[in-house]
Amino acid sequence: MIRKRAEKDNDEILNVWYEASSLAHPFLKDDFVEKAKKDLRDIYIPNTETWVYEENNAVIGFISMIGNEIGGLFVMPSNHFKGIGTQLVNFVKELHGELDVEVFEKNAIGRAFYEKYGFVQLKKYYHAESNNNVLKLRYNS
């Protein structure tokens, strides 16, 4: 079931992010990951429109929106390939229509998902803080 995030979900959201991010972003340095985790907890979750995917009273995926941009889409690795990410994107697509997202070029998991969904690359740029290239993608319904 998809529902709006509640305060009580924050620890589970952080856990989903950490598990999925560790799998998708093995190339990120530990200090960057720790800063990202702190920023997620203190800045991004409180200031985004976040929807969670809940199953058996547990959050196993989430999508955070900043306007029409997907600020984060993560699903517990044990639940990958079950259509949860697609359901979350379908849900926000109904709210926003055109969607943008940024994904690390080295994130093969994320890139494959967005390509399969129909996102197209708009640009590529260097992200100095992570020392990685980032791709900006767009989906038009």
C-alpha atoms as a PDB file:
ATOM      1  CA  MET A   1       0.000   0.000   0.000  1.00  0.00           C
ATOM      2  CA  ILE A   2       1.222   3.492  -0.855  1.00  0.00           C
ATOM      3  CA  ARG A   3       0.556   6.233   1.671  1.00  0.00           C
ATOM      4  CA  LYS A   4       1.906   9.616   2.705  1.00  0.00           C
ATOM      5  CA  ARG A   5       4.896   9.517   5.064  1.00  0.00           C
ATOM      6  CA  ALA A   6       4.265   9.920   8.771  1.00  0.00           C
ATOM      7  CA  GLU A   7       6.867  11.005  11.358  1.00  0.00           C
ATOM      8  CA  LYS A   8       6.937   7.461  12.749  1.00  0.00           C
ATOM      9  CA  ASP A   9       8.240   6.221   9.359  1.00  0.00           C
ATOM     10  CA  ASN A  10      11.500   8.196   9.398  1.00  0.00           C
ATOM     11  CA  ASP A  11      13.745   5.479  10.894  1.00  0.00           C
ATOM     12  CA  GLU A  12      12.394   2.869   8.481  1.00  0.00           C
ATOM     13  CA  ILE A  13      12.857   5.254   5.543  1.00  0.00           C
ATOM     14  CA  LEU A  14      16.475   5.834   6.576  1.00  0.00           C
ATOM     15  CA  ASN A  15      17.017   2.084   6.803  1.00  0.00           C
ATOM     16  CA  VAL A  16      15.516   1.472   3.344  1.00  0.00           C
ATOM     17  CA  TRP A  17      17.692   4.267   1.948  1.00  0.00           C
ATOM     18  CA  TYR A  18      20.857   2.916   3.566  1.00  0.00           C
ATOM     19  CA  GLU A  19      20.325  -0.690   2.430  1.00  0.00           C
ATOM     20  CA  ALA A  20      19.330   0.219  -1.131  1.00  0.00           C
ATOM     21  CA  SER A  21      21.914   2.975  -1.457  1.00  0.00           C
ATOM     22  CA  SER A  22      24.703   0.660  -0.287  1.00  0.00           C
ATOM     23  CA  LEU A  23      23.786  -1.750  -3.087  1.00  0.00           C
ATOM     24  CA  ALA A  24      23.317   0.892  -5.800  1.00  0.00           C
ATOM     25  CA  HIS A  25      26.186   3.204  -4.807  1.00  0.00           C
ATOM     26  CA  PRO A  26      29.196   1.085  -3.764  1.00  0.00           C
ATOM     27  CA  PHE A  27      31.418   3.710  -5.398  1.00  0.00           C
ATOM     28  CA  LEU A  28      30.517   6.441  -2.878  1.00  0.00           C
ATOM     29  CA  LYS A  29      32.983   7.224  -0.097  1.00  0.00           C
ATOM     30  CA  ASP A  30      31.906   6.613   3.523  1.00  0.00           C
ATOM     31  CA  ASP A  31      32.129  10.278   4.547  1.00  0.00           C
ATOM     32  CA  PHE A  32      29.823  11.291   1.664  1.00  0.00           C
ATOM     33  CA  VAL A  33      27.334   8.546   2.606  1.00  0.00           C
ATOM     34  CA  GLU A  34      27.287   9.651   6.257  1.00  0.00           C
ATOM     35  CA  LYS A  35      26.671  13.282   5.269  1.00  0.00           C
ATOM     36  CA  ALA A  36      23.937  12.183   2.855  1.00  0.00           C
ATOM     37  CA  LYS A  37      22.276  10.134   5.612  1.00  0.00           C
ATOM     38  CA  LYS A  38      22.331  13.096   8.008  1.00  0.00           C
ATOM     39  CA  ASP A  39      20.979  15.432   5.298  1.00  0.00           C
ATOM     40  CA  LEU A  40      18.261  12.922   4.436  1.00  0.00           C
ATOM     41  CA  ARG A  41      17.127  12.761   8.066  1.00  0.00           C
ATOM     42  CA  ASP A  42      17.463  16.480   8.889  1.00  0.00           C
ATOM     43  CA  ILE A  43      16.718  18.251   5.591  1.00  0.00           C
ATOM     44  CA  TYR A  44      15.260  16.119   2.815  1.00  0.00           C
ATOM     45  CA  ILE A  45      12.648  13.945   4.531  1.00  0.00           C
ATOM     46  CA  PRO A  46      11.095  16.860   6.453  1.00  0.00           C
ATOM     47  CA  ASN A  47      11.061  19.125   3.370  1.00  0.00           C
ATOM     48  CA  THR A  48       9.859  16.801   0.630  1.00  0.00           C
ATOM     49  CA  GLU A  49       6.574  15.198  -0.282  1.00  0.00           C
ATOM     50  CA  THR A  50       7.391  11.593   0.612  1.00  0.00           C
ATOM     51  CA  TRP A  51       5.255   8.558  -0.053  1.00  0.00           C
ATOM     52  CA  VAL A  52       5.998   5.163   1.455  1.00  0.00           C
ATOM     53  CA  TYR A  53       5.246   1.669   0.232  1.00  0.00           C
ATOM     54  CA  GLU A  54       4.139  -0.354   3.216  1.00  0.00           C
ATOM     55  CA  GLU A  55       3.698  -4.100   3.433  1.00  0.00           C
ATOM     56  CA  ASN A  56       2.849  -6.035   6.617  1.00  0.00           C
ATOM     57  CA  ASN A  57       3.139  -2.799   8.643  1.00  0.00           C
ATOM     58  CA  ALA A  58       6.726  -2.241   7.451  1.00  0.00           C
ATOM     59  CA  VAL A  59       8.058   0.444   5.089  1.00  0.00           C
ATOM     60  CA  ILE A  60       9.873  -1.373   2.284  1.00  0.00           C
ATOM     61  CA  GLY A  61      10.138   1.484  -0.223  1.00  0.00           C
ATOM     62  CA  PHE A  62       9.664   5.213  -0.622  1.00  0.00           C
ATOM     63  CA  ILE A  63       9.693   8.042  -3.119  1.00  0.00           C
ATOM     64  CA  SER A  64      10.435  11.672  -2.197  1.00  0.00           C
ATOM     65  CA  MET A  65       9.358  14.511  -4.448  1.00  0.00           C
ATOM     66  CA  ILE A  66      10.678  18.069  -4.694  1.00  0.00           C
ATOM     67  CA  GLY A  67       8.101  19.579  -7.013  1.00  0.00           C
ATOM     68  CA  ASN A  68       8.157  17.313 -10.077  1.00  0.00           C
ATOM     69  CA  GLU A  69      11.679  15.998  -9.315  1.00  0.00           C
ATOM     70  CA  ILE A  70      12.198  12.593  -7.773  1.00  0.00           C
ATOM     71  CA  GLY A  71      14.584  13.424  -4.945  1.00  0.00           C
ATOM     72  CA  GLY A  72      14.839   9.799  -3.928  1.00  0.00           C
ATOM     73  CA  LEU A  73      13.390   6.433  -4.914  1.00  0.00           C
ATOM     74  CA  PHE A  74      14.553   3.467  -2.886  1.00  0.00           C
ATOM     75  CA  VAL A  75      13.256  -0.053  -2.265  1.00  0.00           C
ATOM     76  CA  MET A  76      14.688  -2.618   0.149  1.00  0.00           C
ATOM     77  CA  PRO A  77      17.011  -4.853  -1.907  1.00  0.00           C
ATOM     78  CA  SER A  78      15.122  -7.975  -0.773  1.00  0.00           C
ATOM     79  CA  ASN A  79      12.065  -6.491  -2.513  1.00  0.00           C
ATOM     80  CA  HIS A  80      13.692  -5.485  -5.813  1.00  0.00           C
ATOM     81  CA  PHE A  81      12.080  -6.721  -9.045  1.00  0.00           C
ATOM     82  CA  LYS A  82       8.610  -6.923  -7.492  1.00  0.00           C
ATOM     83  CA  GLY A  83       7.243  -3.780  -9.180  1.00  0.00           C
ATOM     84  CA  ILE A  84       7.351  -1.592  -6.065  1.00  0.00           C
ATOM     85  CA  GLY A  85       9.517   1.120  -7.643  1.00  0.00           C
ATOM     86  CA  THR A  86       7.270   1.149 -10.697  1.00  0.00           C
ATOM     87  CA  GLN A  87       4.164   1.487  -8.507  1.00  0.00           C
ATOM     88  CA  LEU A  88       5.731   4.413  -6.640  1.00  0.00           C
ATOM     89  CA  VAL A  89       6.676   6.207  -9.884  1.00  0.00           C
ATOM     90  CA  ASN A  90       3.231   5.504 -11.353  1.00  0.00           C
ATOM     91  CA  PHE A  91       1.688   7.045  -8.240  1.00  0.00           C
ATOM     92  CA  VAL A  92       3.651  10.318  -8.426  1.00  0.00           C
ATOM     93  CA  LYS A  93       3.286  10.454 -12.206  1.00  0.00           C
ATOM     94  CA  GLU A  94      -0.472  10.843 -11.662  1.00  0.00           C
ATOM     95  CA  LEU A  95       0.240  13.834  -9.414  1.00  0.00           C
ATOM     96  CA  HIS A  96       2.932  15.525 -11.516  1.00  0.00           C
ATOM     97  CA  GLY A  97       2.893  14.267 -15.137  1.00  0.00           C
ATOM     98  CA  GLU A  98       6.400  15.246 -16.237  1.00  0.00           C
ATOM     99  CA  LEU A  99       9.072  13.877 -13.894  1.00  0.00           C
ATOM    100  CA  ASP A 100      12.758  14.715 -13.524  1.00  0.00           C
ATOM    101  CA  VAL A 101      15.390  12.736 -11.644  1.00  0.00           C
ATOM    102  CA  GLU A 102      19.142  12.815 -11.171  1.00  0.00           C
ATOM    103  CA  VAL A 103      21.058   9.555 -10.961  1.00  0.00           C
ATOM    104  CA  PHE A 104      24.754   8.789 -10.593  1.00  0.00           C
ATOM    105  CA  GLU A 105      26.204   7.610 -13.901  1.00  0.00           C
ATOM    106  CA  LYS A 106      27.780   4.629 -12.071  1.00  0.00           C
ATOM    107  CA  ASN A 107      24.421   3.603 -10.542  1.00  0.00           C
ATOM    108  CA  ALA A 108      23.640   0.711 -12.879  1.00  0.00           C
ATOM    109  CA  ILE A 109      20.560  -0.326 -10.878  1.00  0.00           C
ATOM    110  CA  GLY A 110      18.939   3.115 -10.968  1.00  0.00           C
ATOM    111  CA  ARG A 111      19.872   3.795 -14.568  1.00  0.00           C
ATOM    112  CA  ALA A 112      18.386   0.469 -15.726  1.00  0.00           C
ATOM    113  CA  PHE A 113      15.165   1.149 -13.820  1.00  0.00           C
ATOM    114  CA  TYR A 114      14.687   4.665 -15.213  1.00  0.00           C
ATOM    115  CA  GLU A 115      15.612   3.611 -18.757  1.00  0.00           C
ATOM    116  CA  LYS A 116      13.103   0.752 -18.648  1.00  0.00           C
ATOM    117  CA  TYR A 117      10.446   3.153 -17.347  1.00  0.00           C
ATOM    118  CA  GLY A 118      11.055   5.528 -20.263  1.00  0.00           C
ATOM    119  CA  PHE A 119      13.146   8.350 -18.817  1.00  0.00           C
ATOM    120  CA  VAL A 120      15.522  10.047 -21.268  1.00  0.00           C
ATOM    121  CA  GLN A 121      18.792  11.787 -20.531  1.00  0.00           C
ATOM    122  CA  LEU A 122      18.770  15.588 -20.659  1.00  0.00           C
ATOM    123  CA  LYS A 123      22.314  16.300 -19.503  1.00  0.00           C
ATOM    124  CA  LYS A 124      25.339  15.010 -17.650  1.00  0.00           C
ATOM    125  CA  TYR A 125      27.412  16.949 -15.144  1.00  0.00           C
ATOM    126  CA  TYR A 126      30.193  16.438 -12.629  1.00  0.00           C
ATOM    127  CA  HIS A 127      29.135  16.412  -8.967  1.00  0.00           C
ATOM    128  CA  ALA A 128      32.219  17.601  -7.056  1.00  0.00           C
ATOM    129  CA  GLU A 129      30.973  16.666  -3.571  1.00  0.00           C
ATOM    130  CA  SER A 130      30.698  12.964  -4.506  1.00  0.00           C
ATOM    131  CA  ASN A 131      33.437  13.021  -7.174  1.00  0.00           C
ATOM    132  CA  ASN A 132      31.031  11.394  -9.658  1.00  0.00           C
ATOM    133  CA  ASN A 133      29.142  12.176 -12.837  1.00  0.00           C
ATOM    134  CA  VAL A 134      25.393  12.660 -12.520  1.00  0.00           C
ATOM    135  CA  LEU A 135      22.784  12.241 -15.243  1.00  0.00           C
ATOM    136  CA  LYS A 136      19.645  14.380 -15.307  1.00  0.00           C
ATOM    137  CA  LEU A 137      16.731  12.401 -16.767  1.00  0.00           C
ATOM    138  CA  ARG A 138      13.158  13.303 -17.694  1.00  0.00           C
ATOM    139  CA  TYR A 139       9.938  11.383 -18.192  1.00  0.00           C
ATOM    140  CA  ASN A 140       6.997  12.854 -20.100  1.00  0.00           C
ATOM    141  CA  SER A 141       3.690  11.007 -19.785  1.00  0.00           C
END
